[in-house]
Amino acid sequence: MKGCKIRGGDTAALIDEIPILAAIAPYTAEGIEIRDAGELRVKESDRITSIVGNLRAMGAEVEEFPDGLRVPGGTISARGANR
């Protein structure tokens, strides 16, 4: 998988899929950047913070933004965490 940037209307259309997309991001070639997802901070819980914490626990690099996150690709091998 190559990777992608998700912004604007695409973010709104994919809001429920963002945790899954973020979870596969470290395994992609170019990673994933998700912006305009501030809604994930105000629902039941701050889902951006939860996603970031879980990715870091997996060994992934993650940059957190007020409205999203960026996960570089190739930070976890397909065989397991780079530890």
PDB file of N, CA and C in Angstrom:
ATOM      1  N   MET A   1       0.839  -1.176   0.000  1.00  0.00           N
ATOM      2  CA  MET A   1       0.000   0.000   0.000  1.00  0.00           C
ATOM      3  C   MET A   1       0.885   1.241   0.000  1.00  0.00           C
ATOM      4  N   LYS A   2       0.455   2.244  -0.693  1.00  0.00           N
ATOM      5  CA  LYS A   2       1.243   3.460  -0.826  1.00  0.00           C
ATOM      6  C   LYS A   2       1.067   4.413   0.352  1.00  0.00           C
ATOM      7  N   GLY A   3      -0.144   4.836   0.654  1.00  0.00           N
ATOM      8  CA  GLY A   3      -0.430   5.823   1.690  1.00  0.00           C
ATOM      9  C   GLY A   3      -1.345   6.892   1.130  1.00  0.00           C
ATOM     10  N   CYS A   4      -1.739   7.882   1.958  1.00  0.00           N
ATOM     11  CA  CYS A   4      -2.644   8.912   1.471  1.00  0.00           C
ATOM     12  C   CYS A   4      -2.725  10.090   2.444  1.00  0.00           C
ATOM     13  N   LYS A   5      -3.380  11.154   1.961  1.00  0.00           N
ATOM     14  CA  LYS A   5      -3.735  12.297   2.800  1.00  0.00           C
ATOM     15  C   LYS A   5      -5.246  12.416   2.751  1.00  0.00           C
ATOM     16  N   ILE A   6      -5.843  12.547   3.915  1.00  0.00           N
ATOM     17  CA  ILE A   6      -7.297  12.664   4.010  1.00  0.00           C
ATOM     18  C   ILE A   6      -7.598  14.018   4.626  1.00  0.00           C
ATOM     19  N   ARG A   7      -8.428  14.822   3.926  1.00  0.00           N
ATOM     20  CA  ARG A   7      -8.751  16.182   4.374  1.00  0.00           C
ATOM     21  C   ARG A   7     -10.172  16.547   3.975  1.00  0.00           C
ATOM     22  N   GLY A   8     -10.651  17.620   4.573  1.00  0.00           N
ATOM     23  CA  GLY A   8     -11.915  18.233   4.176  1.00  0.00           C
ATOM     24  C   GLY A   8     -13.078  17.266   4.145  1.00  0.00           C
ATOM     25  N   GLY A   9     -13.810  17.283   3.035  1.00  0.00           N
ATOM     26  CA  GLY A   9     -14.993  16.449   2.873  1.00  0.00           C
ATOM     27  C   GLY A   9     -14.691  14.963   2.961  1.00  0.00           C
ATOM     28  N   ASP A  10     -13.489  14.569   2.520  1.00  0.00           N
ATOM     29  CA  ASP A  10     -13.120  13.158   2.623  1.00  0.00           C
ATOM     30  C   ASP A  10     -13.039  12.724   4.084  1.00  0.00           C
ATOM     31  N   THR A  11     -12.537  13.613   4.947  1.00  0.00           N
ATOM     32  CA  THR A  11     -12.459  13.290   6.371  1.00  0.00           C
ATOM     33  C   THR A  11     -13.858  13.049   6.936  1.00  0.00           C
ATOM     34  N   ALA A  12     -14.781  13.931   6.603  1.00  0.00           N
ATOM     35  CA  ALA A  12     -16.151  13.778   7.092  1.00  0.00           C
ATOM     36  C   ALA A  12     -16.776  12.480   6.589  1.00  0.00           C
ATOM     37  N   ALA A  13     -16.502  12.128   5.339  1.00  0.00           N
ATOM     38  CA  ALA A  13     -17.073  10.910   4.766  1.00  0.00           C
ATOM     39  C   ALA A  13     -16.466   9.643   5.370  1.00  0.00           C
ATOM     40  N   LEU A  14     -15.234   9.746   5.870  1.00  0.00           N
ATOM     41  CA  LEU A  14     -14.520   8.581   6.392  1.00  0.00           C
ATOM     42  C   LEU A  14     -14.330   8.625   7.908  1.00  0.00           C
ATOM     43  N   ILE A  15     -15.066   9.467   8.606  1.00  0.00           N
ATOM     44  CA  ILE A  15     -14.820   9.712  10.028  1.00  0.00           C
ATOM     45  C   ILE A  15     -14.810   8.414  10.859  1.00  0.00           C
ATOM     46  N   ASP A  16     -15.662   7.464  10.551  1.00  0.00           N
ATOM     47  CA  ASP A  16     -15.701   6.214  11.323  1.00  0.00           C
ATOM     48  C   ASP A  16     -14.582   5.249  10.925  1.00  0.00           C
ATOM     49  N   GLU A  17     -14.018   5.425   9.737  1.00  0.00           N
ATOM     50  CA  GLU A  17     -12.942   4.559   9.254  1.00  0.00           C
ATOM     51  C   GLU A  17     -11.556   5.050   9.657  1.00  0.00           C
ATOM     52  N   ILE A  18     -11.451   6.272  10.182  1.00  0.00           N
ATOM     53  CA  ILE A  18     -10.147   6.858  10.499  1.00  0.00           C
ATOM     54  C   ILE A  18      -9.315   5.992  11.451  1.00  0.00           C
ATOM     55  N   PRO A  19      -9.873   5.424  12.519  1.00  0.00           N
ATOM     56  CA  PRO A  19      -9.029   4.574  13.379  1.00  0.00           C
ATOM     57  C   PRO A  19      -8.399   3.394  12.622  1.00  0.00           C
ATOM     58  N   ILE A  20      -9.136   2.779  11.731  1.00  0.00           N
ATOM     59  CA  ILE A  20      -8.601   1.653  10.951  1.00  0.00           C
ATOM     60  C   ILE A  20      -7.529   2.139   9.992  1.00  0.00           C
ATOM     61  N   LEU A  21      -7.785   3.242   9.310  1.00  0.00           N
ATOM     62  CA  LEU A  21      -6.789   3.787   8.380  1.00  0.00           C
ATOM     63  C   LEU A  21      -5.507   4.161   9.114  1.00  0.00           C
ATOM     64  N   ALA A  22      -5.642   4.741  10.295  1.00  0.00           N
ATOM     65  CA  ALA A  22      -4.463   5.109  11.085  1.00  0.00           C
ATOM     66  C   ALA A  22      -3.707   3.859  11.527  1.00  0.00           C
ATOM     67  N   ALA A  23      -4.420   2.793  11.834  1.00  0.00           N
ATOM     68  CA  ALA A  23      -3.772   1.563  12.297  1.00  0.00           C
ATOM     69  C   ALA A  23      -2.935   0.905  11.207  1.00  0.00           C
ATOM     70  N   ILE A  24      -3.338   1.029   9.944  1.00  0.00           N
ATOM     71  CA  ILE A  24      -2.551   0.429   8.866  1.00  0.00           C
ATOM     72  C   ILE A  24      -1.464   1.371   8.350  1.00  0.00           C
ATOM     73  N   ALA A  25      -1.522   2.631   8.727  1.00  0.00           N
ATOM     74  CA  ALA A  25      -0.579   3.632   8.213  1.00  0.00           C
ATOM     75  C   ALA A  25       0.888   3.272   8.390  1.00  0.00           C
ATOM     76  N   PRO A  26       1.328   2.753   9.551  1.00  0.00           N
ATOM     77  CA  PRO A  26       2.750   2.445   9.702  1.00  0.00           C
ATOM     78  C   PRO A  26       3.240   1.363   8.748  1.00  0.00           C
ATOM     79  N   TYR A  27       2.334   0.588   8.186  1.00  0.00           N
ATOM     80  CA  TYR A  27       2.691  -0.496   7.282  1.00  0.00           C
ATOM     81  C   TYR A  27       2.698  -0.063   5.815  1.00  0.00           C
ATOM     82  N   THR A  28       2.271   1.157   5.529  1.00  0.00           N
ATOM     83  CA  THR A  28       2.238   1.656   4.160  1.00  0.00           C
ATOM     84  C   THR A  28       3.595   2.236   3.778  1.00  0.00           C
ATOM     85  N   ALA A  29       3.788   2.491   2.496  1.00  0.00           N
ATOM     86  CA  ALA A  29       5.053   3.040   2.010  1.00  0.00           C
ATOM     87  C   ALA A  29       5.234   4.501   2.414  1.00  0.00           C
ATOM     88  N   GLU A  30       4.165   5.302   2.299  1.00  0.00           N
ATOM     89  CA  GLU A  30       4.274   6.746   2.531  1.00  0.00           C
ATOM     90  C   GLU A  30       3.530   7.241   3.762  1.00  0.00           C
ATOM     91  N   GLY A  31       2.793   6.380   4.427  1.00  0.00           N
ATOM     92  CA  GLY A  31       2.062   6.790   5.612  1.00  0.00           C
ATOM     93  C   GLY A  31       0.748   7.466   5.297  1.00  0.00           C
ATOM     94  N   ILE A  32       0.119   7.973   6.340  1.00  0.00           N
ATOM     95  CA  ILE A  32      -1.185   8.618   6.198  1.00  0.00           C
ATOM     96  C   ILE A  32      -1.195   9.893   7.024  1.00  0.00           C
ATOM     97  N   GLU A  33      -1.748  10.952   6.427  1.00  0.00           N
ATOM     98  CA  GLU A  33      -1.982  12.198   7.148  1.00  0.00           C
ATOM     99  C   GLU A  33      -3.481  12.451   7.144  1.00  0.00           C
ATOM    100  N   ILE A  34      -4.023  12.688   8.311  1.00  0.00           N
ATOM    101  CA  ILE A  34      -5.459  12.929   8.465  1.00  0.00           C
ATOM    102  C   ILE A  34      -5.626  14.312   9.079  1.00  0.00           C
ATOM    103  N   ARG A  35      -6.352  15.184   8.385  1.00  0.00           N
ATOM    104  CA  ARG A  35      -6.612  16.540   8.885  1.00  0.00           C
ATOM    105  C   ARG A  35      -8.110  16.797   8.851  1.00  0.00           C
ATOM    106  N   ASP A  36      -8.519  17.889   9.467  1.00  0.00           N
ATOM    107  CA  ASP A  36      -9.934  18.295   9.527  1.00  0.00           C
ATOM    108  C   ASP A  36     -10.791  17.253  10.253  1.00  0.00           C
ATOM    109  N   ALA A  37     -10.189  16.575  11.243  1.00  0.00           N
ATOM    110  CA  ALA A  37     -10.899  15.531  11.988  1.00  0.00           C
ATOM    111  C   ALA A  37     -11.111  15.934  13.444  1.00  0.00           C
ATOM    112  N   GLY A  38     -11.219  17.231  13.708  1.00  0.00           N
ATOM    113  CA  GLY A  38     -11.415  17.709  15.069  1.00  0.00           C
ATOM    114  C   GLY A  38     -12.624  17.110  15.752  1.00  0.00           C
ATOM    115  N   GLU A  39     -13.596  16.659  14.962  1.00  0.00           N
ATOM    116  CA  GLU A  39     -14.801  16.021  15.516  1.00  0.00           C
ATOM    117  C   GLU A  39     -14.443  14.795  16.367  1.00  0.00           C
ATOM    118  N   LEU A  40     -13.318  14.163  16.061  1.00  0.00           N
ATOM    119  CA  LEU A  40     -12.904  12.987  16.825  1.00  0.00           C
ATOM    120  C   LEU A  40     -12.480  13.326  18.247  1.00  0.00           C
ATOM    121  N   ARG A  41     -12.267  14.592  18.531  1.00  0.00           N
ATOM    122  CA  ARG A  41     -11.869  15.001  19.881  1.00  0.00           C
ATOM    123  C   ARG A  41     -13.076  15.292  20.774  1.00  0.00           C
ATOM    124  N   VAL A  42     -14.251  15.512  20.192  1.00  0.00           N
ATOM    125  CA  VAL A  42     -15.368  16.019  20.986  1.00  0.00           C
ATOM    126  C   VAL A  42     -16.535  15.055  21.180  1.00  0.00           C
ATOM    127  N   LYS A  43     -16.475  13.908  20.604  1.00  0.00           N
ATOM    128  CA  LYS A  43     -17.584  12.962  20.794  1.00  0.00           C
ATOM    129  C   LYS A  43     -17.492  12.318  22.167  1.00  0.00           C
ATOM    130  N   GLU A  44     -17.659  11.013  22.246  1.00  0.00           N
ATOM    131  CA  GLU A  44     -17.660  10.305  23.533  1.00  0.00           C
ATOM    132  C   GLU A  44     -16.342  10.483  24.283  1.00  0.00           C
ATOM    133  N   SER A  45     -15.251  10.505  23.517  1.00  0.00           N
ATOM    134  CA  SER A  45     -13.916  10.666  24.090  1.00  0.00           C
ATOM    135  C   SER A  45     -13.020  11.284  23.025  1.00  0.00           C
ATOM    136  N   ASP A  46     -11.807  11.634  23.398  1.00  0.00           N
ATOM    137  CA  ASP A  46     -10.846  12.191  22.448  1.00  0.00           C
ATOM    138  C   ASP A  46     -10.221  11.028  21.685  1.00  0.00           C
ATOM    139  N   ARG A  47     -10.829  10.679  20.558  1.00  0.00           N
ATOM    140  CA  ARG A  47     -10.367   9.516  19.805  1.00  0.00           C
ATOM    141  C   ARG A  47      -9.028   9.744  19.115  1.00  0.00           C
ATOM    142  N   ILE A  48      -8.675  10.987  18.826  1.00  0.00           N
ATOM    143  CA  ILE A  48      -7.357  11.245  18.243  1.00  0.00           C
ATOM    144  C   ILE A  48      -6.270  10.872  19.254  1.00  0.00           C
ATOM    145  N   THR A  49      -6.421  11.318  20.489  1.00  0.00           N
ATOM    146  CA  THR A  49      -5.449  10.979  21.527  1.00  0.00           C
ATOM    147  C   THR A  49      -5.380   9.466  21.739  1.00  0.00           C
ATOM    148  N   SER A  50      -6.517   8.789  21.712  1.00  0.00           N
ATOM    149  CA  SER A  50      -6.539   7.330  21.871  1.00  0.00           C
ATOM    150  C   SER A  50      -5.819   6.631  20.716  1.00  0.00           C
ATOM    151  N   ILE A  51      -6.070   7.081  19.498  1.00  0.00           N
ATOM    152  CA  ILE A  51      -5.409   6.491  18.329  1.00  0.00           C
ATOM    153  C   ILE A  51      -3.905   6.695  18.425  1.00  0.00           C
ATOM    154  N   VAL A  52      -3.489   7.924  18.750  1.00  0.00           N
ATOM    155  CA  VAL A  52      -2.064   8.232  18.867  1.00  0.00           C
ATOM    156  C   VAL A  52      -1.412   7.349  19.930  1.00  0.00           C
ATOM    157  N   GLY A  53      -2.026   7.232  21.086  1.00  0.00           N
ATOM    158  CA  GLY A  53      -1.473   6.406  22.166  1.00  0.00           C
ATOM    159  C   GLY A  53      -1.335   4.950  21.772  1.00  0.00           C
ATOM    160  N   ASN A  54      -2.338   4.419  21.106  1.00  0.00           N
ATOM    161  CA  ASN A  54      -2.290   3.016  20.693  1.00  0.00           C
ATOM    162  C   ASN A  54      -1.243   2.783  19.606  1.00  0.00           C
ATOM    163  N   LEU A  55      -1.122   3.705  18.669  1.00  0.00           N
ATOM    164  CA  LEU A  55      -0.098   3.561  17.637  1.00  0.00           C
ATOM    165  C   LEU A  55       1.302   3.606  18.244  1.00  0.00           C
ATOM    166  N   ARG A  56       1.509   4.512  19.181  1.00  0.00           N
ATOM    167  CA  ARG A  56       2.817   4.592  19.837  1.00  0.00           C
ATOM    168  C   ARG A  56       3.108   3.315  20.620  1.00  0.00           C
ATOM    169  N   ALA A  57       2.082   2.731  21.240  1.00  0.00           N
ATOM    170  CA  ALA A  57       2.262   1.473  21.969  1.00  0.00           C
ATOM    171  C   ALA A  57       2.655   0.341  21.018  1.00  0.00           C
ATOM    172  N   MET A  58       2.246   0.434  19.758  1.00  0.00           N
ATOM    173  CA  MET A  58       2.619  -0.549  18.736  1.00  0.00           C
ATOM    174  C   MET A  58       4.041  -0.323  18.231  1.00  0.00           C
ATOM    175  N   GLY A  59       4.628   0.826  18.575  1.00  0.00           N
ATOM    176  CA  GLY A  59       5.968   1.148  18.104  1.00  0.00           C
ATOM    177  C   GLY A  59       6.005   2.079  16.918  1.00  0.00           C
ATOM    178  N   ALA A  60       4.858   2.647  16.551  1.00  0.00           N
ATOM    179  CA  ALA A  60       4.786   3.553  15.405  1.00  0.00           C
ATOM    180  C   ALA A  60       5.172   4.969  15.788  1.00  0.00           C
ATOM    181  N   GLU A  61       5.685   5.703  14.823  1.00  0.00           N
ATOM    182  CA  GLU A  61       5.907   7.135  14.980  1.00  0.00           C
ATOM    183  C   GLU A  61       4.592   7.828  14.647  1.00  0.00           C
ATOM    184  N   VAL A  62       4.218   8.840  15.425  1.00  0.00           N
ATOM    185  CA  VAL A  62       2.966   9.560  15.187  1.00  0.00           C
ATOM    186  C   VAL A  62       3.169  11.020  15.528  1.00  0.00           C
ATOM    187  N   GLU A  63       2.669  11.901  14.669  1.00  0.00           N
ATOM    188  CA  GLU A  63       2.643  13.333  14.959  1.00  0.00           C
ATOM    189  C   GLU A  63       1.178  13.720  15.153  1.00  0.00           C
ATOM    190  N   GLU A  64       0.866  14.301  16.297  1.00  0.00           N
ATOM    191  CA  GLU A  64      -0.512  14.655  16.627  1.00  0.00           C
ATOM    192  C   GLU A  64      -0.754  16.130  16.348  1.00  0.00           C
ATOM    193  N   PHE A  65      -1.901  16.453  15.746  1.00  0.00           N
ATOM    194  CA  PHE A  65      -2.329  17.824  15.470  1.00  0.00           C
ATOM    195  C   PHE A  65      -3.661  18.080  16.170  1.00  0.00           C
ATOM    196  N   PRO A  66      -4.026  19.328  16.367  1.00  0.00           N
ATOM    197  CA  PRO A  66      -5.334  19.608  16.967  1.00  0.00           C
ATOM    198  C   PRO A  66      -6.502  18.997  16.180  1.00  0.00           C
ATOM    199  N   ASP A  67      -6.326  18.873  14.856  1.00  0.00           N
ATOM    200  CA  ASP A  67      -7.411  18.363  14.014  1.00  0.00           C
ATOM    201  C   ASP A  67      -7.076  17.044  13.328  1.00  0.00           C
ATOM    202  N   GLY A  68      -6.073  16.322  13.818  1.00  0.00           N
ATOM    203  CA  GLY A  68      -5.749  15.058  13.166  1.00  0.00           C
ATOM    204  C   GLY A  68      -4.406  14.504  13.581  1.00  0.00           C
ATOM    205  N   LEU A  69      -3.781  13.764  12.660  1.00  0.00           N
ATOM    206  CA  LEU A  69      -2.507  13.131  12.956  1.00  0.00           C
ATOM    207  C   LEU A  69      -1.802  12.759  11.656  1.00  0.00           C
ATOM    208  N   ARG A  70      -0.507  12.488  11.786  1.00  0.00           N
ATOM    209  CA  ARG A  70       0.290  12.010  10.662  1.00  0.00           C
ATOM    210  C   ARG A  70       1.104  10.829  11.147  1.00  0.00           C
ATOM    211  N   VAL A  71       1.055   9.758  10.363  1.00  0.00           N
ATOM    212  CA  VAL A  71       1.802   8.551  10.680  1.00  0.00           C
ATOM    213  C   VAL A  71       2.684   8.237   9.481  1.00  0.00           C
ATOM    214  N   PRO A  72       4.007   8.354   9.629  1.00  0.00           N
ATOM    215  CA  PRO A  72       4.882   8.016   8.504  1.00  0.00           C
ATOM    216  C   PRO A  72       4.795   6.524   8.184  1.00  0.00           C
ATOM    217  N   GLY A  73       4.955   6.201   6.949  1.00  0.00           N
ATOM    218  CA  GLY A  73       4.959   4.801   6.556  1.00  0.00           C
ATOM    219  C   GLY A  73       6.273   4.128   6.892  1.00  0.00           C
ATOM    220  N   GLY A  74       6.245   2.827   6.909  1.00  0.00           N
ATOM    221  CA  GLY A  74       7.447   2.041   7.121  1.00  0.00           C
ATOM    222  C   GLY A  74       7.996   2.078   8.529  1.00  0.00           C
ATOM    223  N   THR A  75       7.206   2.519   9.506  1.00  0.00           N
ATOM    224  CA  THR A  75       7.722   2.600  10.876  1.00  0.00           C
ATOM    225  C   THR A  75       7.530   1.298  11.642  1.00  0.00           C
ATOM    226  N   ILE A  76       6.735   0.388  11.089  1.00  0.00           N
ATOM    227  CA  ILE A  76       6.579  -0.940  11.673  1.00  0.00           C
ATOM    228  C   ILE A  76       6.667  -1.926  10.511  1.00  0.00           C
ATOM    229  N   SER A  77       7.476  -2.940  10.641  1.00  0.00           N
ATOM    230  CA  SER A  77       7.587  -3.929   9.568  1.00  0.00           C
ATOM    231  C   SER A  77       6.338  -4.794   9.534  1.00  0.00           C
ATOM    232  N   ALA A  78       6.124  -5.463   8.438  1.00  0.00           N
ATOM    233  CA  ALA A  78       4.961  -6.338   8.307  1.00  0.00           C
ATOM    234  C   ALA A  78       5.045  -7.527   9.241  1.00  0.00           C
ATOM    235  N   ARG A  79       6.233  -7.812   9.787  1.00  0.00           N
ATOM    236  CA  ARG A  79       6.411  -8.948  10.688  1.00  0.00           C
ATOM    237  C   ARG A  79       6.337  -8.583  12.151  1.00  0.00           C
ATOM    238  N   GLY A  80       6.185  -7.296  12.453  1.00  0.00           N
ATOM    239  CA  GLY A  80       6.088  -6.920  13.867  1.00  0.00           C
ATOM    240  C   GLY A  80       6.669  -5.560  14.126  1.00  0.00           C
ATOM    241  N   ALA A  81       6.564  -5.107  15.352  1.00  0.00           N
ATOM    242  CA  ALA A  81       7.040  -3.791  15.733  1.00  0.00           C
ATOM    243  C   ALA A  81       8.563  -3.729  15.655  1.00  0.00           C
ATOM    244  N   ASN A  82       9.057  -2.554  15.282  1.00  0.00           N
ATOM    245  CA  ASN A  82      10.503  -2.310  15.252  1.00  0.00           C
ATOM    246  C   ASN A  82      10.961  -2.014  16.654  1.00  0.00           C
ATOM    247  N   ARG A  83      11.308  -3.006  17.407  1.00  0.00           N
ATOM    248  CA  ARG A  83      11.738  -2.809  18.787  1.00  0.00           C
ATOM    249  C   ARG A  83      13.055  -3.493  19.000  1.00  0.00           C
TER     250      ARG A  83
END
